[in-house]
């Protein structure tokens, strides 16, 4: 079944992508949730016209996203956490913690656009998070988890 996505769907595609999915997934989930519409010939024509008009706007968005990516790459992010024996953390560090620290540095990014290796981190050390600023711009943000002073 061919569908046009109305919103970003994780592990499937972005807004206005034409995707091929199994009939049940499209009919029972994507369409009723308002995430997609059938890709009829008329809907495809409307989509191509919309994409042409959006191309110019998107170029500016990409440039802005690249500026933010440069700024993020230059940040020295340190996240402090309570540590038990060895280098194991009490609790874990997730994308929400990274988003919080980045926000303190002056860049607001929703936590859903930040991907931390393994989902959560439970040890001290150096890590790198992926931040999706635009469908074509993904920044790698290095950060370090350090022990909290006792």
N, C-alpha and C. Protein backbone atom coordinates (compact mmCIF):
# COMPACT_ATOMS: atom_id res chain seq x y z
N UNK A 1 0.85 -1.16 0.00
CA UNK A 1 0.00 0.00 0.00
C UNK A 1 0.90 1.23 0.00
N UNK A 2 0.62 2.15 -0.88
CA UNK A 2 1.42 3.36 -1.00
C UNK A 2 0.70 4.51 -0.29
N UNK A 3 1.44 5.18 0.62
CA UNK A 3 0.87 6.26 1.42
C UNK A 3 1.75 7.49 1.37
N UNK A 4 1.13 8.65 1.64
CA UNK A 4 1.87 9.90 1.79
C UNK A 4 1.80 10.25 3.28
N UNK A 5 2.95 10.40 3.90
CA UNK A 5 2.99 10.70 5.34
C UNK A 5 2.63 12.16 5.60
N UNK A 6 1.77 12.36 6.58
CA UNK A 6 1.38 13.71 6.99
C UNK A 6 2.24 14.22 8.14
N UNK A 7 2.87 13.32 8.88
CA UNK A 7 3.77 13.67 9.98
C UNK A 7 4.96 12.72 9.95
N UNK A 8 6.01 13.09 10.67
CA UNK A 8 7.16 12.20 10.80
C UNK A 8 6.73 10.94 11.55
N UNK A 9 7.12 9.78 11.02
CA UNK A 9 6.83 8.51 11.68
C UNK A 9 8.18 7.82 11.87
N UNK A 10 8.51 7.53 13.14
CA UNK A 10 9.80 6.95 13.46
C UNK A 10 9.98 5.62 12.74
N UNK A 11 11.15 5.38 12.21
CA UNK A 11 11.53 4.17 11.48
C UNK A 11 10.73 3.95 10.19
N UNK A 12 10.06 5.01 9.70
CA UNK A 12 9.32 4.88 8.45
C UNK A 12 9.66 6.00 7.49
N UNK A 13 9.51 7.25 7.93
CA UNK A 13 9.82 8.36 7.05
C UNK A 13 9.43 9.69 7.66
N UNK A 14 9.61 10.74 6.85
CA UNK A 14 9.34 12.09 7.28
C UNK A 14 8.07 12.62 6.62
N UNK A 15 7.61 13.76 7.07
CA UNK A 15 6.43 14.41 6.51
C UNK A 15 6.57 14.54 4.99
N UNK A 16 5.51 14.23 4.28
CA UNK A 16 5.40 14.33 2.81
C UNK A 16 6.24 13.30 2.06
N UNK A 17 6.74 12.27 2.71
CA UNK A 17 7.40 11.18 2.02
C UNK A 17 6.34 10.23 1.49
N UNK A 18 6.59 9.66 0.32
CA UNK A 18 5.72 8.61 -0.21
C UNK A 18 6.37 7.29 0.19
N UNK A 19 5.64 6.48 0.97
CA UNK A 19 6.20 5.24 1.48
C UNK A 19 5.31 4.05 1.10
N UNK A 20 5.94 2.90 1.06
CA UNK A 20 5.25 1.64 0.78
C UNK A 20 5.19 0.87 2.10
N UNK A 21 3.96 0.57 2.56
CA UNK A 21 3.79 -0.18 3.81
C UNK A 21 2.83 -1.34 3.57
N UNK A 22 2.80 -2.25 4.54
CA UNK A 22 1.85 -3.36 4.46
C UNK A 22 0.44 -2.82 4.64
N UNK A 23 -0.53 -3.47 4.00
CA UNK A 23 -1.91 -2.99 4.01
C UNK A 23 -2.46 -2.80 5.42
N UNK A 24 -2.24 -3.75 6.30
CA UNK A 24 -2.80 -3.66 7.64
C UNK A 24 -2.23 -2.50 8.43
N UNK A 25 -0.93 -2.26 8.32
CA UNK A 25 -0.29 -1.16 9.03
C UNK A 25 -0.85 0.18 8.57
N UNK A 26 -1.03 0.31 7.27
CA UNK A 26 -1.58 1.56 6.74
C UNK A 26 -3.05 1.74 7.10
N UNK A 27 -3.83 0.71 6.88
CA UNK A 27 -5.28 0.80 7.08
C UNK A 27 -5.67 0.88 8.56
N UNK A 28 -4.95 0.15 9.41
CA UNK A 28 -5.35 0.06 10.82
C UNK A 28 -4.63 1.04 11.75
N UNK A 29 -3.50 1.59 11.32
CA UNK A 29 -2.77 2.48 12.22
C UNK A 29 -2.51 3.86 11.60
N UNK A 30 -1.80 3.89 10.49
CA UNK A 30 -1.36 5.18 9.95
C UNK A 30 -2.51 6.09 9.53
N UNK A 31 -3.45 5.56 8.77
CA UNK A 31 -4.56 6.39 8.27
C UNK A 31 -5.50 6.81 9.41
N UNK A 32 -5.96 5.89 10.28
CA UNK A 32 -6.85 6.32 11.37
C UNK A 32 -6.21 7.32 12.34
N UNK A 33 -4.90 7.21 12.57
CA UNK A 33 -4.20 8.12 13.47
C UNK A 33 -3.95 9.48 12.82
N UNK A 34 -4.23 9.61 11.53
CA UNK A 34 -3.99 10.86 10.83
C UNK A 34 -2.54 11.07 10.47
N UNK A 35 -1.76 9.99 10.47
CA UNK A 35 -0.33 10.10 10.15
C UNK A 35 -0.07 10.01 8.65
N UNK A 36 -1.05 9.49 7.88
CA UNK A 36 -0.83 9.31 6.45
C UNK A 36 -2.16 9.34 5.71
N UNK A 37 -2.07 9.54 4.38
CA UNK A 37 -3.23 9.44 3.48
C UNK A 37 -2.84 8.56 2.30
N UNK A 38 -3.83 8.01 1.63
CA UNK A 38 -3.56 7.20 0.46
C UNK A 38 -2.87 8.02 -0.62
N UNK A 39 -1.94 7.41 -1.31
CA UNK A 39 -1.19 8.10 -2.37
C UNK A 39 -1.90 7.90 -3.70
N UNK A 40 -3.03 8.58 -3.87
CA UNK A 40 -3.75 8.53 -5.14
C UNK A 40 -3.05 9.43 -6.14
N UNK A 41 -3.31 9.26 -7.44
CA UNK A 41 -2.66 10.14 -8.43
C UNK A 41 -2.89 11.63 -8.17
N UNK A 42 -4.11 12.00 -7.78
CA UNK A 42 -4.38 13.42 -7.51
C UNK A 42 -3.62 13.90 -6.27
N UNK A 43 -3.54 13.05 -5.24
CA UNK A 43 -2.80 13.42 -4.03
C UNK A 43 -1.31 13.59 -4.34
N UNK A 44 -0.79 12.76 -5.24
CA UNK A 44 0.63 12.87 -5.62
C UNK A 44 0.89 14.18 -6.37
N UNK A 45 -0.06 14.59 -7.22
CA UNK A 45 0.10 15.87 -7.95
C UNK A 45 0.12 17.04 -6.97
N UNK A 46 -0.78 17.02 -6.01
CA UNK A 46 -0.83 18.08 -5.01
C UNK A 46 0.48 18.09 -4.21
N UNK A 47 0.97 16.91 -3.88
CA UNK A 47 2.22 16.79 -3.13
C UNK A 47 3.40 17.38 -3.90
N UNK A 48 3.52 17.06 -5.19
CA UNK A 48 4.64 17.60 -5.97
C UNK A 48 4.58 19.12 -6.04
N UNK A 49 3.39 19.67 -6.18
CA UNK A 49 3.24 21.13 -6.21
C UNK A 49 3.64 21.75 -4.87
N UNK A 50 3.22 21.12 -3.79
CA UNK A 50 3.56 21.61 -2.45
C UNK A 50 5.07 21.55 -2.23
N UNK A 51 5.70 20.45 -2.68
CA UNK A 51 7.14 20.30 -2.49
C UNK A 51 7.92 21.34 -3.29
N UNK A 52 7.45 21.68 -4.48
CA UNK A 52 8.12 22.72 -5.28
C UNK A 52 8.10 24.05 -4.54
N UNK A 53 6.94 24.38 -3.96
CA UNK A 53 6.81 25.65 -3.25
C UNK A 53 7.65 25.66 -1.98
N UNK A 54 7.80 24.50 -1.37
CA UNK A 54 8.52 24.41 -0.11
C UNK A 54 10.04 24.35 -0.30
N UNK A 55 10.51 24.05 -1.49
CA UNK A 55 11.95 23.85 -1.72
C UNK A 55 12.77 25.08 -1.31
N UNK A 56 12.28 26.26 -1.65
CA UNK A 56 13.01 27.49 -1.31
C UNK A 56 13.07 27.68 0.19
N UNK A 57 11.95 27.50 0.88
CA UNK A 57 11.91 27.65 2.34
C UNK A 57 12.85 26.64 3.01
N UNK A 58 12.86 25.43 2.46
CA UNK A 58 13.65 24.36 3.06
C UNK A 58 15.15 24.65 2.97
N UNK A 59 15.57 25.32 1.90
CA UNK A 59 16.98 25.66 1.75
C UNK A 59 17.44 26.52 2.92
N UNK A 60 16.61 27.49 3.31
CA UNK A 60 16.95 28.35 4.45
C UNK A 60 16.95 27.54 5.74
N UNK A 61 15.99 26.64 5.90
CA UNK A 61 15.95 25.80 7.10
C UNK A 61 17.21 24.95 7.24
N UNK A 62 17.69 24.42 6.11
CA UNK A 62 18.91 23.60 6.12
C UNK A 62 20.11 24.45 6.53
N UNK A 63 20.19 25.67 6.01
CA UNK A 63 21.30 26.56 6.38
C UNK A 63 21.27 26.86 7.87
N UNK A 64 20.08 27.15 8.41
CA UNK A 64 19.95 27.42 9.85
C UNK A 64 20.33 26.20 10.67
N UNK A 65 19.90 25.02 10.22
CA UNK A 65 20.21 23.79 10.93
C UNK A 65 21.71 23.53 10.93
N UNK A 66 22.38 23.84 9.83
CA UNK A 66 23.83 23.64 9.76
C UNK A 66 24.57 24.59 10.71
N UNK A 67 24.05 25.81 10.87
CA UNK A 67 24.65 26.75 11.82
C UNK A 67 24.53 26.21 13.25
N UNK A 68 23.34 25.69 13.58
CA UNK A 68 23.13 25.12 14.91
C UNK A 68 24.03 23.90 15.11
N UNK A 69 24.17 23.07 14.05
CA UNK A 69 25.02 21.88 14.14
C UNK A 69 26.47 22.28 14.43
N UNK A 70 26.95 23.34 13.79
CA UNK A 70 28.30 23.82 14.05
C UNK A 70 28.46 24.26 15.50
N UNK A 71 27.44 24.98 15.98
CA UNK A 71 27.47 25.45 17.37
C UNK A 71 27.47 24.26 18.34
N UNK A 72 26.66 23.25 18.06
CA UNK A 72 26.59 22.07 18.92
C UNK A 72 27.90 21.29 18.92
N UNK A 73 28.55 21.20 17.75
CA UNK A 73 29.82 20.48 17.66
C UNK A 73 30.91 21.13 18.49
N UNK A 74 30.82 22.44 18.68
CA UNK A 74 31.83 23.16 19.44
C UNK A 74 31.60 23.16 20.94
N UNK A 75 30.45 22.67 21.39
CA UNK A 75 30.15 22.68 22.82
C UNK A 75 30.94 21.61 23.57
N UNK A 76 31.33 21.95 24.79
CA UNK A 76 31.96 20.98 25.69
C UNK A 76 30.91 20.62 26.72
N UNK A 77 30.24 19.49 26.54
CA UNK A 77 29.15 19.12 27.42
C UNK A 77 29.63 18.11 28.45
N UNK A 78 29.40 18.47 29.72
CA UNK A 78 29.71 17.55 30.81
C UNK A 78 28.43 17.35 31.61
N UNK A 79 28.07 16.10 31.82
CA UNK A 79 26.90 15.76 32.61
C UNK A 79 27.38 15.11 33.90
N UNK A 80 26.99 15.69 35.03
CA UNK A 80 27.40 15.11 36.30
C UNK A 80 26.34 14.13 36.78
N UNK A 81 26.78 13.03 37.34
CA UNK A 81 25.86 12.01 37.82
C UNK A 81 26.43 11.35 39.07
N UNK A 82 25.54 10.85 39.90
CA UNK A 82 25.98 10.13 41.09
C UNK A 82 26.54 8.77 40.67
N UNK A 83 27.64 8.39 41.32
CA UNK A 83 28.34 7.17 40.92
C UNK A 83 28.43 6.21 42.10
N UNK A 84 28.24 4.93 41.80
CA UNK A 84 28.40 3.89 42.82
C UNK A 84 29.81 3.33 42.75
N UNK A 85 29.93 2.04 43.00
CA UNK A 85 31.24 1.40 42.95
C UNK A 85 31.74 1.34 41.51
N UNK A 86 33.01 1.59 41.34
CA UNK A 86 33.59 1.59 39.99
C UNK A 86 33.11 2.81 39.23
N UNK A 87 32.69 2.58 37.99
CA UNK A 87 32.21 3.71 37.19
C UNK A 87 30.73 3.58 36.84
N UNK A 88 30.00 2.77 37.62
CA UNK A 88 28.57 2.60 37.38
C UNK A 88 27.78 3.76 37.98
N UNK A 89 26.77 4.21 37.25
CA UNK A 89 25.94 5.32 37.71
C UNK A 89 24.77 4.82 38.55
N UNK A 90 24.32 5.68 39.46
CA UNK A 90 23.03 5.45 40.10
C UNK A 90 22.01 5.99 39.11
N UNK A 91 21.17 5.15 38.57
CA UNK A 91 20.25 5.58 37.53
C UNK A 91 20.94 5.54 36.18
N UNK A 92 20.53 6.43 35.28
CA UNK A 92 21.13 6.45 33.95
C UNK A 92 21.02 7.85 33.35
N UNK A 93 21.74 8.04 32.26
CA UNK A 93 21.69 9.29 31.51
C UNK A 93 21.01 8.99 30.19
N UNK A 94 19.99 9.79 29.85
CA UNK A 94 19.24 9.56 28.62
C UNK A 94 19.22 10.82 27.76
N UNK A 95 18.46 10.76 26.67
CA UNK A 95 18.36 11.91 25.77
C UNK A 95 17.77 13.14 26.47
N UNK A 96 16.93 12.94 27.48
CA UNK A 96 16.34 14.07 28.22
C UNK A 96 17.43 14.84 28.97
N UNK A 97 18.38 14.12 29.55
CA UNK A 97 19.48 14.78 30.27
C UNK A 97 20.35 15.58 29.30
N UNK A 98 20.62 15.01 28.13
CA UNK A 98 21.43 15.71 27.13
C UNK A 98 20.70 16.96 26.64
N UNK A 99 19.39 16.85 26.40
CA UNK A 99 18.59 17.99 25.95
C UNK A 99 18.61 19.11 26.99
N UNK A 100 18.55 18.73 28.26
CA UNK A 100 18.56 19.70 29.35
C UNK A 100 19.87 20.48 29.39
N UNK A 101 20.99 19.78 29.24
CA UNK A 101 22.30 20.43 29.27
C UNK A 101 22.49 21.31 28.04
N UNK A 102 22.03 20.85 26.88
CA UNK A 102 22.14 21.66 25.66
C UNK A 102 21.30 22.92 25.80
N UNK A 103 20.12 22.81 26.43
CA UNK A 103 19.25 23.98 26.62
C UNK A 103 19.95 25.02 27.50
N UNK A 104 20.71 24.57 28.50
CA UNK A 104 21.45 25.50 29.36
C UNK A 104 22.52 26.24 28.57
N UNK A 105 22.99 25.63 27.50
CA UNK A 105 24.00 26.26 26.64
C UNK A 105 23.38 27.23 25.64
N UNK A 106 22.05 27.30 25.62
CA UNK A 106 21.38 28.28 24.76
C UNK A 106 20.77 27.73 23.49
N UNK A 107 20.72 26.42 23.31
CA UNK A 107 20.12 25.83 22.12
C UNK A 107 18.98 24.92 22.55
N UNK A 108 17.75 25.31 22.20
CA UNK A 108 16.58 24.50 22.57
C UNK A 108 16.36 23.41 21.52
N UNK A 109 16.43 22.15 21.97
CA UNK A 109 16.18 21.01 21.09
C UNK A 109 15.29 20.05 21.84
N UNK A 110 14.22 19.58 21.17
CA UNK A 110 13.34 18.62 21.81
C UNK A 110 14.08 17.30 22.01
N UNK A 111 13.80 16.64 23.12
CA UNK A 111 14.52 15.41 23.43
C UNK A 111 14.25 14.30 22.43
N UNK A 112 13.11 14.33 21.74
CA UNK A 112 12.81 13.26 20.78
C UNK A 112 13.73 13.30 19.56
N UNK A 113 14.42 14.43 19.35
CA UNK A 113 15.34 14.54 18.22
C UNK A 113 16.76 14.17 18.60
N UNK A 114 16.97 13.78 19.85
CA UNK A 114 18.31 13.41 20.32
C UNK A 114 18.35 11.90 20.53
N UNK A 115 19.37 11.27 19.97
CA UNK A 115 19.54 9.82 20.12
C UNK A 115 20.85 9.56 20.85
N UNK A 116 20.73 8.86 21.98
CA UNK A 116 21.90 8.51 22.78
C UNK A 116 22.23 7.05 22.49
N UNK A 117 23.51 6.68 22.37
CA UNK A 117 23.85 5.29 22.07
C UNK A 117 23.28 4.33 23.10
N UNK A 118 22.53 3.34 22.64
CA UNK A 118 21.94 2.36 23.54
C UNK A 118 20.69 2.84 24.26
N UNK A 119 20.22 4.05 23.98
CA UNK A 119 19.03 4.57 24.63
C UNK A 119 19.32 5.23 25.98
N UNK A 120 20.02 4.53 26.84
CA UNK A 120 20.43 5.11 28.13
C UNK A 120 21.87 4.69 28.40
N UNK A 121 22.56 5.53 29.16
CA UNK A 121 23.96 5.26 29.48
C UNK A 121 24.05 5.04 30.98
N UNK A 122 24.79 3.99 31.39
CA UNK A 122 24.86 3.64 32.80
C UNK A 122 26.29 3.64 33.35
N UNK A 123 27.25 4.19 32.57
CA UNK A 123 28.64 4.24 33.02
C UNK A 123 29.25 5.60 32.72
N UNK A 124 30.30 5.95 33.47
CA UNK A 124 31.04 7.17 33.21
C UNK A 124 31.78 7.04 31.88
N UNK A 125 32.12 8.18 31.28
CA UNK A 125 32.95 8.13 30.08
C UNK A 125 32.54 9.14 29.02
N UNK A 126 33.20 9.01 27.87
CA UNK A 126 32.95 9.88 26.71
C UNK A 126 31.92 9.20 25.81
N UNK A 127 30.94 9.96 25.34
CA UNK A 127 29.92 9.43 24.44
C UNK A 127 29.60 10.46 23.37
N UNK A 128 28.82 10.03 22.40
CA UNK A 128 28.42 10.93 21.33
C UNK A 128 26.93 10.73 21.05
N UNK A 129 26.17 11.83 21.07
CA UNK A 129 24.74 11.77 20.79
C UNK A 129 24.49 12.30 19.39
N UNK A 130 23.49 11.73 18.71
CA UNK A 130 23.08 12.22 17.39
C UNK A 130 21.88 13.14 17.58
N UNK A 131 21.97 14.34 17.01
CA UNK A 131 20.88 15.30 17.10
C UNK A 131 20.36 15.57 15.70
N UNK A 132 19.08 15.22 15.47
CA UNK A 132 18.49 15.45 14.15
C UNK A 132 17.87 16.84 14.14
N UNK A 133 18.52 17.75 13.43
CA UNK A 133 18.06 19.13 13.35
C UNK A 133 17.14 19.34 12.15
N UNK A 134 17.31 18.52 11.14
CA UNK A 134 16.53 18.58 9.90
C UNK A 134 16.65 17.21 9.26
N UNK A 135 15.79 16.90 8.34
CA UNK A 135 15.86 15.56 7.75
C UNK A 135 17.20 15.31 7.06
N UNK A 136 17.88 16.37 6.64
CA UNK A 136 19.18 16.21 5.98
C UNK A 136 20.37 16.61 6.86
N UNK A 137 20.11 17.15 8.04
CA UNK A 137 21.19 17.62 8.90
C UNK A 137 21.13 16.88 10.24
N UNK A 138 22.13 16.04 10.48
CA UNK A 138 22.23 15.33 11.75
C UNK A 138 23.59 15.67 12.34
N UNK A 139 23.57 16.25 13.53
CA UNK A 139 24.81 16.66 14.19
C UNK A 139 25.22 15.61 15.21
N UNK A 140 26.52 15.38 15.31
CA UNK A 140 27.07 14.50 16.33
C UNK A 140 27.58 15.39 17.46
N UNK A 141 27.04 15.19 18.65
CA UNK A 141 27.39 16.03 19.79
C UNK A 141 28.16 15.19 20.81
N UNK A 142 29.45 15.46 20.99
CA UNK A 142 30.21 14.70 22.00
C UNK A 142 29.88 15.22 23.39
N UNK A 143 29.77 14.31 24.35
CA UNK A 143 29.57 14.71 25.73
C UNK A 143 30.25 13.72 26.65
N UNK A 144 30.47 14.18 27.89
CA UNK A 144 31.18 13.35 28.86
C UNK A 144 30.33 13.25 30.13
N UNK A 145 30.29 12.07 30.68
CA UNK A 145 29.60 11.86 31.95
C UNK A 145 30.67 11.77 33.03
N UNK A 146 30.58 12.67 34.00
CA UNK A 146 31.58 12.73 35.06
C UNK A 146 30.92 12.49 36.41
N UNK A 147 31.73 12.04 37.38
CA UNK A 147 31.23 11.75 38.71
C UNK A 147 30.91 13.04 39.45
N UNK A 148 29.81 13.01 40.19
CA UNK A 148 29.42 14.16 40.98
C UNK A 148 30.32 14.25 42.21
N UNK A 149 30.75 15.46 42.55
CA UNK A 149 31.61 15.63 43.73
C UNK A 149 30.81 15.28 44.97
N UNK A 150 31.45 14.52 45.87
CA UNK A 150 30.74 14.05 47.07
C UNK A 150 30.73 15.03 48.17
